[in-house]
């Protein structure tokens, strides 16, 4: 069950903190490696954009994970954020 008292971590923050930084890569190098425009990656990391199925596929291939991992993070973030915003 999702905790509805706080918004789950945005997948962009998790991507940066749990994957890109530990790999010792810059955002630009990671974007280049996976074939994504740096501006798009930056906006995802900043939480200004969400992870789409296309982006989830790129991340899953680069990090040897499933696309569902990234889509579930995004879905959980969006559901709780919407719920908290609608109760304001």
PDB file of N, CA and C in Angstrom:
ATOM      1  N   UNK A   1       0.840  -1.181   0.000  1.00  0.00           N
ATOM      2  CA  UNK A   1       0.000   0.000   0.000  1.00  0.00           C
ATOM      3  C   UNK A   1       0.885   1.244   0.000  1.00  0.00           C
ATOM      4  N   UNK A   2       0.468   2.243  -0.740  1.00  0.00           N
ATOM      5  CA  UNK A   2       1.241   3.477  -0.835  1.00  0.00           C
ATOM      6  C   UNK A   2       0.999   4.364   0.375  1.00  0.00           C
ATOM      7  N   UNK A   3       2.056   4.991   0.890  1.00  0.00           N
ATOM      8  CA  UNK A   3       1.853   5.960   1.968  1.00  0.00           C
ATOM      9  C   UNK A   3       1.271   7.233   1.370  1.00  0.00           C
ATOM     10  N   UNK A   4       0.137   7.670   1.878  1.00  0.00           N
ATOM     11  CA  UNK A   4      -0.510   8.845   1.302  1.00  0.00           C
ATOM     12  C   UNK A   4      -0.226  10.120   2.080  1.00  0.00           C
ATOM     13  N   UNK A   5       0.743  10.082   2.999  1.00  0.00           N
ATOM     14  CA  UNK A   5       1.054  11.293   3.750  1.00  0.00           C
ATOM     15  C   UNK A   5       2.309  11.991   3.242  1.00  0.00           C
ATOM     16  N   UNK A   6       3.001  11.369   2.292  1.00  0.00           N
ATOM     17  CA  UNK A   6       4.163  12.009   1.662  1.00  0.00           C
ATOM     18  C   UNK A   6       4.260  11.541   0.219  1.00  0.00           C
ATOM     19  N   UNK A   7       4.797  12.394  -0.613  1.00  0.00           N
ATOM     20  CA  UNK A   7       4.946  12.052  -2.025  1.00  0.00           C
ATOM     21  C   UNK A   7       6.173  11.162  -2.176  1.00  0.00           C
ATOM     22  N   UNK A   8       6.020   9.996  -2.805  1.00  0.00           N
ATOM     23  CA  UNK A   8       7.184   9.127  -3.030  1.00  0.00           C
ATOM     24  C   UNK A   8       8.245   9.830  -3.880  1.00  0.00           C
ATOM     25  N   UNK A   9       9.453   9.399  -3.717  1.00  0.00           N
ATOM     26  CA  UNK A   9      10.576   9.964  -4.454  1.00  0.00           C
ATOM     27  C   UNK A   9      10.317   9.929  -5.955  1.00  0.00           C
ATOM     28  N   UNK A  10      10.596  11.039  -6.606  1.00  0.00           N
ATOM     29  CA  UNK A  10      10.452  11.110  -8.060  1.00  0.00           C
ATOM     30  C   UNK A  10      11.518  10.202  -8.684  1.00  0.00           C
ATOM     31  N   UNK A  11      11.185   9.499  -9.762  1.00  0.00           N
ATOM     32  CA  UNK A  11      12.172   8.610 -10.371  1.00  0.00           C
ATOM     33  C   UNK A  11      13.437   9.330 -10.844  1.00  0.00           C
ATOM     34  N   UNK A  12      13.325  10.593 -11.186  1.00  0.00           N
ATOM     35  CA  UNK A  12      14.509  11.347 -11.595  1.00  0.00           C
ATOM     36  C   UNK A  12      15.506  11.511 -10.463  1.00  0.00           C
ATOM     37  N   UNK A  13      15.000  11.758  -9.265  1.00  0.00           N
ATOM     38  CA  UNK A  13      15.884  11.873  -8.101  1.00  0.00           C
ATOM     39  C   UNK A  13      16.557  10.533  -7.814  1.00  0.00           C
ATOM     40  N   UNK A  14      15.785   9.463  -7.915  1.00  0.00           N
ATOM     41  CA  UNK A  14      16.354   8.142  -7.689  1.00  0.00           C
ATOM     42  C   UNK A  14      17.401   7.814  -8.756  1.00  0.00           C
ATOM     43  N   UNK A  15      17.112   8.166  -9.987  1.00  0.00           N
ATOM     44  CA  UNK A  15      18.064   7.921 -11.072  1.00  0.00           C
ATOM     45  C   UNK A  15      19.397   8.596 -10.775  1.00  0.00           C
ATOM     46  N   UNK A  16      19.332   9.848 -10.362  1.00  0.00           N
ATOM     47  CA  UNK A  16      20.562  10.587 -10.081  1.00  0.00           C
ATOM     48  C   UNK A  16      21.296  10.021  -8.867  1.00  0.00           C
ATOM     49  N   UNK A  17      20.591   9.884  -7.753  1.00  0.00           N
ATOM     50  CA  UNK A  17      21.238   9.523  -6.491  1.00  0.00           C
ATOM     51  C   UNK A  17      21.649   8.058  -6.399  1.00  0.00           C
ATOM     52  N   UNK A  18      20.866   7.171  -6.984  1.00  0.00           N
ATOM     53  CA  UNK A  18      21.113   5.735  -6.832  1.00  0.00           C
ATOM     54  C   UNK A  18      21.830   5.087  -8.019  1.00  0.00           C
ATOM     55  N   UNK A  19      21.886   5.804  -9.140  1.00  0.00           N
ATOM     56  CA  UNK A  19      22.483   5.195 -10.323  1.00  0.00           C
ATOM     57  C   UNK A  19      23.582   6.053 -10.949  1.00  0.00           C
ATOM     58  N   UNK A  20      23.254   7.271 -11.366  1.00  0.00           N
ATOM     59  CA  UNK A  20      24.236   8.090 -12.077  1.00  0.00           C
ATOM     60  C   UNK A  20      25.429   8.448 -11.185  1.00  0.00           C
ATOM     61  N   UNK A  21      25.160   8.964  -9.994  1.00  0.00           N
ATOM     62  CA  UNK A  21      26.258   9.334  -9.090  1.00  0.00           C
ATOM     63  C   UNK A  21      27.113   8.125  -8.707  1.00  0.00           C
ATOM     64  N   UNK A  22      26.506   6.999  -8.273  1.00  0.00           N
ATOM     65  CA  UNK A  22      27.338   5.839  -7.934  1.00  0.00           C
ATOM     66  C   UNK A  22      28.168   5.308  -9.105  1.00  0.00           C
ATOM     67  N   UNK A  23      27.675   5.506 -10.330  1.00  0.00           N
ATOM     68  CA  UNK A  23      28.442   5.085 -11.499  1.00  0.00           C
ATOM     69  C   UNK A  23      29.610   6.030 -11.785  1.00  0.00           C
ATOM     70  N   UNK A  24      29.628   7.163 -11.087  1.00  0.00           N
ATOM     71  CA  UNK A  24      30.697   8.143 -11.297  1.00  0.00           C
ATOM     72  C   UNK A  24      30.577   8.868 -12.623  1.00  0.00           C
ATOM     73  N   UNK A  25      29.353   8.969 -13.119  1.00  0.00           N
ATOM     74  CA  UNK A  25      29.121   9.606 -14.417  1.00  0.00           C
ATOM     75  C   UNK A  25      28.515  10.997 -14.230  1.00  0.00           C
ATOM     76  N   UNK A  26      28.738  11.835 -15.201  1.00  0.00           N
ATOM     77  CA  UNK A  26      28.028  13.105 -15.242  1.00  0.00           C
ATOM     78  C   UNK A  26      26.674  12.859 -15.900  1.00  0.00           C
ATOM     79  N   UNK A  27      25.774  13.789 -15.693  1.00  0.00           N
ATOM     80  CA  UNK A  27      24.476  13.679 -16.353  1.00  0.00           C
ATOM     81  C   UNK A  27      24.646  13.700 -17.868  1.00  0.00           C
ATOM     82  N   UNK A  28      25.545  14.533 -18.347  1.00  0.00           N
ATOM     83  CA  UNK A  28      25.785  14.632 -19.793  1.00  0.00           C
ATOM     84  C   UNK A  28      26.316  13.320 -20.351  1.00  0.00           C
ATOM     85  N   UNK A  29      27.250  12.699 -19.648  1.00  0.00           N
ATOM     86  CA  UNK A  29      27.816  11.425 -20.120  1.00  0.00           C
ATOM     87  C   UNK A  29      26.763  10.332 -20.121  1.00  0.00           C
ATOM     88  N   UNK A  30      25.921  10.304 -19.085  1.00  0.00           N
ATOM     89  CA  UNK A  30      24.878   9.292 -19.018  1.00  0.00           C
ATOM     90  C   UNK A  30      23.862   9.500 -20.139  1.00  0.00           C
ATOM     91  N   UNK A  31      23.460  10.745 -20.354  1.00  0.00           N
ATOM     92  CA  UNK A  31      22.501  11.045 -21.424  1.00  0.00           C
ATOM     93  C   UNK A  31      23.064  10.613 -22.773  1.00  0.00           C
ATOM     94  N   UNK A  32      24.322  10.912 -22.995  1.00  0.00           N
ATOM     95  CA  UNK A  32      24.973  10.529 -24.245  1.00  0.00           C
ATOM     96  C   UNK A  32      25.019   9.006 -24.393  1.00  0.00           C
ATOM     97  N   UNK A  33      25.348   8.334 -23.315  1.00  0.00           N
ATOM     98  CA  UNK A  33      25.449   6.866 -23.348  1.00  0.00           C
ATOM     99  C   UNK A  33      24.125   6.203 -23.714  1.00  0.00           C
ATOM    100  N   UNK A  34      23.019   6.752 -23.212  1.00  0.00           N
ATOM    101  CA  UNK A  34      21.727   6.111 -23.482  1.00  0.00           C
ATOM    102  C   UNK A  34      20.999   6.715 -24.683  1.00  0.00           C
ATOM    103  N   UNK A  35      21.587   7.735 -25.295  1.00  0.00           N
ATOM    104  CA  UNK A  35      20.980   8.334 -26.478  1.00  0.00           C
ATOM    105  C   UNK A  35      19.798   9.230 -26.174  1.00  0.00           C
ATOM    106  N   UNK A  36      19.897   9.976 -25.086  1.00  0.00           N
ATOM    107  CA  UNK A  36      18.822  10.878 -24.673  1.00  0.00           C
ATOM    108  C   UNK A  36      19.362  12.306 -24.663  1.00  0.00           C
ATOM    109  N   UNK A  37      18.589  13.268 -25.123  1.00  0.00           N
ATOM    110  CA  UNK A  37      19.038  14.657 -25.038  1.00  0.00           C
ATOM    111  C   UNK A  37      19.290  15.041 -23.576  1.00  0.00           C
ATOM    112  N   UNK A  38      20.369  15.752 -23.317  1.00  0.00           N
ATOM    113  CA  UNK A  38      20.721  16.141 -21.955  1.00  0.00           C
ATOM    114  C   UNK A  38      19.610  16.979 -21.323  1.00  0.00           C
ATOM    115  N   UNK A  39      18.959  17.820 -22.101  1.00  0.00           N
ATOM    116  CA  UNK A  39      17.890  18.658 -21.552  1.00  0.00           C
ATOM    117  C   UNK A  39      16.754  17.791 -21.006  1.00  0.00           C
ATOM    118  N   UNK A  40      16.401  16.740 -21.723  1.00  0.00           N
ATOM    119  CA  UNK A  40      15.341  15.848 -21.264  1.00  0.00           C
ATOM    120  C   UNK A  40      15.757  15.148 -19.971  1.00  0.00           C
ATOM    121  N   UNK A  41      16.975  14.628 -19.931  1.00  0.00           N
ATOM    122  CA  UNK A  41      17.445  13.961 -18.722  1.00  0.00           C
ATOM    123  C   UNK A  41      17.457  14.936 -17.541  1.00  0.00           C
ATOM    124  N   UNK A  42      17.929  16.132 -17.762  1.00  0.00           N
ATOM    125  CA  UNK A  42      17.973  17.141 -16.699  1.00  0.00           C
ATOM    126  C   UNK A  42      16.573  17.439 -16.172  1.00  0.00           C
ATOM    127  N   UNK A  43      15.601  17.561 -17.061  1.00  0.00           N
ATOM    128  CA  UNK A  43      14.235  17.851 -16.637  1.00  0.00           C
ATOM    129  C   UNK A  43      13.632  16.681 -15.851  1.00  0.00           C
ATOM    130  N   UNK A  44      13.970  15.467 -16.209  1.00  0.00           N
ATOM    131  CA  UNK A  44      13.509  14.299 -15.453  1.00  0.00           C
ATOM    132  C   UNK A  44      14.147  14.314 -14.067  1.00  0.00           C
ATOM    133  N   UNK A  45      15.441  14.546 -14.004  1.00  0.00           N
ATOM    134  CA  UNK A  45      16.147  14.571 -12.721  1.00  0.00           C
ATOM    135  C   UNK A  45      15.611  15.682 -11.822  1.00  0.00           C
ATOM    136  N   UNK A  46      15.259  16.804 -12.391  1.00  0.00           N
ATOM    137  CA  UNK A  46      14.722  17.924 -11.616  1.00  0.00           C
ATOM    138  C   UNK A  46      13.245  17.744 -11.263  1.00  0.00           C
ATOM    139  N   UNK A  47      12.630  16.668 -11.758  1.00  0.00           N
ATOM    140  CA  UNK A  47      11.223  16.417 -11.463  1.00  0.00           C
ATOM    141  C   UNK A  47      10.270  17.256 -12.287  1.00  0.00           C
ATOM    142  N   UNK A  48      10.774  17.906 -13.331  1.00  0.00           N
ATOM    143  CA  UNK A  48       9.930  18.731 -14.198  1.00  0.00           C
ATOM    144  C   UNK A  48       9.221  17.896 -15.252  1.00  0.00           C
ATOM    145  N   UNK A  49       9.746  16.700 -15.510  1.00  0.00           N
ATOM    146  CA  UNK A  49       9.144  15.759 -16.457  1.00  0.00           C
ATOM    147  C   UNK A  49       9.077  14.402 -15.794  1.00  0.00           C
ATOM    148  N   UNK A  50       8.146  13.614 -16.280  1.00  0.00           N
ATOM    149  CA  UNK A  50       8.031  12.258 -15.778  1.00  0.00           C
ATOM    150  C   UNK A  50       8.713  11.262 -16.699  1.00  0.00           C
ATOM    151  N   UNK A  51       8.817  10.048 -16.211  1.00  0.00           N
ATOM    152  CA  UNK A  51       9.380   8.957 -16.998  1.00  0.00           C
ATOM    153  C   UNK A  51       8.267   8.388 -17.875  1.00  0.00           C
ATOM    154  N   UNK A  52       8.482   8.411 -19.170  1.00  0.00           N
ATOM    155  CA  UNK A  52       7.535   7.854 -20.134  1.00  0.00           C
ATOM    156  C   UNK A  52       7.931   6.405 -20.433  1.00  0.00           C
ATOM    157  N   UNK A  53       7.064   5.648 -21.098  1.00  0.00           N
ATOM    158  CA  UNK A  53       7.471   4.290 -21.486  1.00  0.00           C
ATOM    159  C   UNK A  53       8.751   4.269 -22.318  1.00  0.00           C
ATOM    160  N   UNK A  54       8.913   5.229 -23.212  1.00  0.00           N
ATOM    161  CA  UNK A  54      10.136   5.292 -24.034  1.00  0.00           C
ATOM    162  C   UNK A  54      11.367   5.516 -23.158  1.00  0.00           C
ATOM    163  N   UNK A  55      11.255   6.461 -22.224  1.00  0.00           N
ATOM    164  CA  UNK A  55      12.364   6.737 -21.317  1.00  0.00           C
ATOM    165  C   UNK A  55      12.644   5.534 -20.423  1.00  0.00           C
ATOM    166  N   UNK A  56      11.598   4.895 -19.944  1.00  0.00           N
ATOM    167  CA  UNK A  56      11.755   3.702 -19.097  1.00  0.00           C
ATOM    168  C   UNK A  56      12.519   2.615 -19.854  1.00  0.00           C
ATOM    169  N   UNK A  57      12.242   2.486 -21.119  1.00  0.00           N
ATOM    170  CA  UNK A  57      12.934   1.487 -21.939  1.00  0.00           C
ATOM    171  C   UNK A  57      14.426   1.820 -22.050  1.00  0.00           C
ATOM    172  N   UNK A  58      14.754   3.088 -22.305  1.00  0.00           N
ATOM    173  CA  UNK A  58      16.156   3.500 -22.397  1.00  0.00           C
ATOM    174  C   UNK A  58      16.888   3.253 -21.077  1.00  0.00           C
ATOM    175  N   UNK A  59      16.247   3.629 -19.974  1.00  0.00           N
ATOM    176  CA  UNK A  59      16.872   3.439 -18.663  1.00  0.00           C
ATOM    177  C   UNK A  59      17.044   1.963 -18.337  1.00  0.00           C
ATOM    178  N   UNK A  60      16.050   1.174 -18.679  1.00  0.00           N
ATOM    179  CA  UNK A  60      16.117  -0.258 -18.357  1.00  0.00           C
ATOM    180  C   UNK A  60      17.252  -0.938 -19.116  1.00  0.00           C
ATOM    181  N   UNK A  61      17.437  -0.567 -20.371  1.00  0.00           N
ATOM    182  CA  UNK A  61      18.530  -1.157 -21.150  1.00  0.00           C
ATOM    183  C   UNK A  61      19.888  -0.727 -20.600  1.00  0.00           C
ATOM    184  N   UNK A  62      20.016   0.537 -20.245  1.00  0.00           N
ATOM    185  CA  UNK A  62      21.299   1.059 -19.777  1.00  0.00           C
ATOM    186  C   UNK A  62      21.680   0.527 -18.402  1.00  0.00           C
ATOM    187  N   UNK A  63      20.667   0.267 -17.566  1.00  0.00           N
ATOM    188  CA  UNK A  63      20.938  -0.111 -16.178  1.00  0.00           C
ATOM    189  C   UNK A  63      20.579  -1.560 -15.869  1.00  0.00           C
ATOM    190  N   UNK A  64      20.257  -2.331 -16.899  1.00  0.00           N
ATOM    191  CA  UNK A  64      19.927  -3.752 -16.749  1.00  0.00           C
ATOM    192  C   UNK A  64      18.801  -3.963 -15.740  1.00  0.00           C
ATOM    193  N   UNK A  65      17.702  -3.266 -15.993  1.00  0.00           N
ATOM    194  CA  UNK A  65      16.517  -3.330 -15.136  1.00  0.00           C
ATOM    195  C   UNK A  65      15.303  -3.476 -16.036  1.00  0.00           C
ATOM    196  N   UNK A  66      14.152  -3.593 -15.437  1.00  0.00           N
ATOM    197  CA  UNK A  66      12.932  -3.655 -16.235  1.00  0.00           C
ATOM    198  C   UNK A  66      12.365  -2.251 -16.439  1.00  0.00           C
ATOM    199  N   UNK A  67      11.694  -2.022 -17.555  1.00  0.00           N
ATOM    200  CA  UNK A  67      11.020  -0.730 -17.736  1.00  0.00           C
ATOM    201  C   UNK A  67       9.955  -0.514 -16.658  1.00  0.00           C
ATOM    202  N   UNK A  68       9.354  -1.602 -16.207  1.00  0.00           N
ATOM    203  CA  UNK A  68       8.314  -1.506 -15.178  1.00  0.00           C
ATOM    204  C   UNK A  68       8.805  -0.877 -13.892  1.00  0.00           C
ATOM    205  N   UNK A  69      10.070  -1.091 -13.551  1.00  0.00           N
ATOM    206  CA  UNK A  69      10.624  -0.469 -12.356  1.00  0.00           C
ATOM    207  C   UNK A  69      10.452   1.044 -12.421  1.00  0.00           C
ATOM    208  N   UNK A  70      10.860   1.638 -13.536  1.00  0.00           N
ATOM    209  CA  UNK A  70      10.803   3.091 -13.695  1.00  0.00           C
ATOM    210  C   UNK A  70       9.372   3.587 -13.820  1.00  0.00           C
ATOM    211  N   UNK A  71       8.549   2.837 -14.548  1.00  0.00           N
ATOM    212  CA  UNK A  71       7.146   3.251 -14.699  1.00  0.00           C
ATOM    213  C   UNK A  71       6.391   3.152 -13.380  1.00  0.00           C
ATOM    214  N   UNK A  72       6.707   2.152 -12.567  1.00  0.00           N
ATOM    215  CA  UNK A  72       6.059   2.035 -11.258  1.00  0.00           C
ATOM    216  C   UNK A  72       6.463   3.170 -10.329  1.00  0.00           C
ATOM    217  N   UNK A  73       7.742   3.542 -10.359  1.00  0.00           N
ATOM    218  CA  UNK A  73       8.167   4.692  -9.559  1.00  0.00           C
ATOM    219  C   UNK A  73       7.388   5.943  -9.963  1.00  0.00           C
ATOM    220  N   UNK A  74       7.266   6.152 -11.279  1.00  0.00           N
ATOM    221  CA  UNK A  74       6.559   7.335 -11.764  1.00  0.00           C
ATOM    222  C   UNK A  74       5.087   7.275 -11.391  1.00  0.00           C
ATOM    223  N   UNK A  75       4.477   6.117 -11.567  1.00  0.00           N
ATOM    224  CA  UNK A  75       3.056   5.963 -11.240  1.00  0.00           C
ATOM    225  C   UNK A  75       2.803   6.238  -9.760  1.00  0.00           C
ATOM    226  N   UNK A  76       3.616   5.648  -8.890  1.00  0.00           N
ATOM    227  CA  UNK A  76       3.431   5.850  -7.454  1.00  0.00           C
ATOM    228  C   UNK A  76       3.600   7.317  -7.078  1.00  0.00           C
ATOM    229  N   UNK A  77       4.588   7.963  -7.655  1.00  0.00           N
ATOM    230  CA  UNK A  77       4.805   9.390  -7.412  1.00  0.00           C
ATOM    231  C   UNK A  77       3.577  10.196  -7.846  1.00  0.00           C
ATOM    232  N   UNK A  78       3.105   9.930  -9.039  1.00  0.00           N
ATOM    233  CA  UNK A  78       1.978  10.693  -9.589  1.00  0.00           C
ATOM    234  C   UNK A  78       0.688  10.472  -8.809  1.00  0.00           C
ATOM    235  N   UNK A  79       0.410   9.227  -8.417  1.00  0.00           N
ATOM    236  CA  UNK A  79      -0.829   8.919  -7.694  1.00  0.00           C
ATOM    237  C   UNK A  79      -0.878   9.662  -6.370  1.00  0.00           C
ATOM    238  N   UNK A  80       0.175   9.565  -5.592  1.00  0.00           N
ATOM    239  CA  UNK A  80       0.170  10.198  -4.269  1.00  0.00           C
ATOM    240  C   UNK A  80       0.203  11.711  -4.397  1.00  0.00           C
ATOM    241  N   UNK A  81       0.979  12.226  -5.331  1.00  0.00           N
ATOM    242  CA  UNK A  81       1.027  13.673  -5.537  1.00  0.00           C
ATOM    243  C   UNK A  81      -0.364  14.204  -5.881  1.00  0.00           C
ATOM    244  N   UNK A  82      -1.058  13.523  -6.778  1.00  0.00           N
ATOM    245  CA  UNK A  82      -2.409  13.938  -7.162  1.00  0.00           C
ATOM    246  C   UNK A  82      -3.351  13.903  -5.960  1.00  0.00           C
ATOM    247  N   UNK A  83      -3.251  12.843  -5.190  1.00  0.00           N
ATOM    248  CA  UNK A  83      -4.138  12.701  -4.029  1.00  0.00           C
ATOM    249  C   UNK A  83      -3.890  13.820  -3.013  1.00  0.00           C
ATOM    250  N   UNK A  84      -2.625  14.091  -2.736  1.00  0.00           N
ATOM    251  CA  UNK A  84      -2.314  15.153  -1.767  1.00  0.00           C
ATOM    252  C   UNK A  84      -2.723  16.529  -2.285  1.00  0.00           C
ATOM    253  N   UNK A  85      -2.545  16.759  -3.579  1.00  0.00           N
ATOM    254  CA  UNK A  85      -2.924  18.058  -4.145  1.00  0.00           C
ATOM    255  C   UNK A  85      -4.436  18.234  -4.198  1.00  0.00           C
ATOM    256  N   UNK A  86      -5.157  17.145  -4.370  1.00  0.00           N
ATOM    257  CA  UNK A  86      -6.617  17.254  -4.472  1.00  0.00           C
ATOM    258  C   UNK A  86      -7.284  17.412  -3.110  1.00  0.00           C
ATOM    259  N   UNK A  87      -6.531  17.191  -2.018  1.00  0.00           N
ATOM    260  CA  UNK A  87      -7.106  17.362  -0.683  1.00  0.00           C
ATOM    261  C   UNK A  87      -6.799  18.733  -0.101  1.00  0.00           C
ATOM    262  N   UNK A  88      -6.083  19.548  -0.864  1.00  0.00           N
ATOM    263  CA  UNK A  88      -5.748  20.906  -0.391  1.00  0.00           C
ATOM    264  C   UNK A  88      -6.973  21.787  -0.370  1.00  0.00           C
TER     265      UNK A  88
END
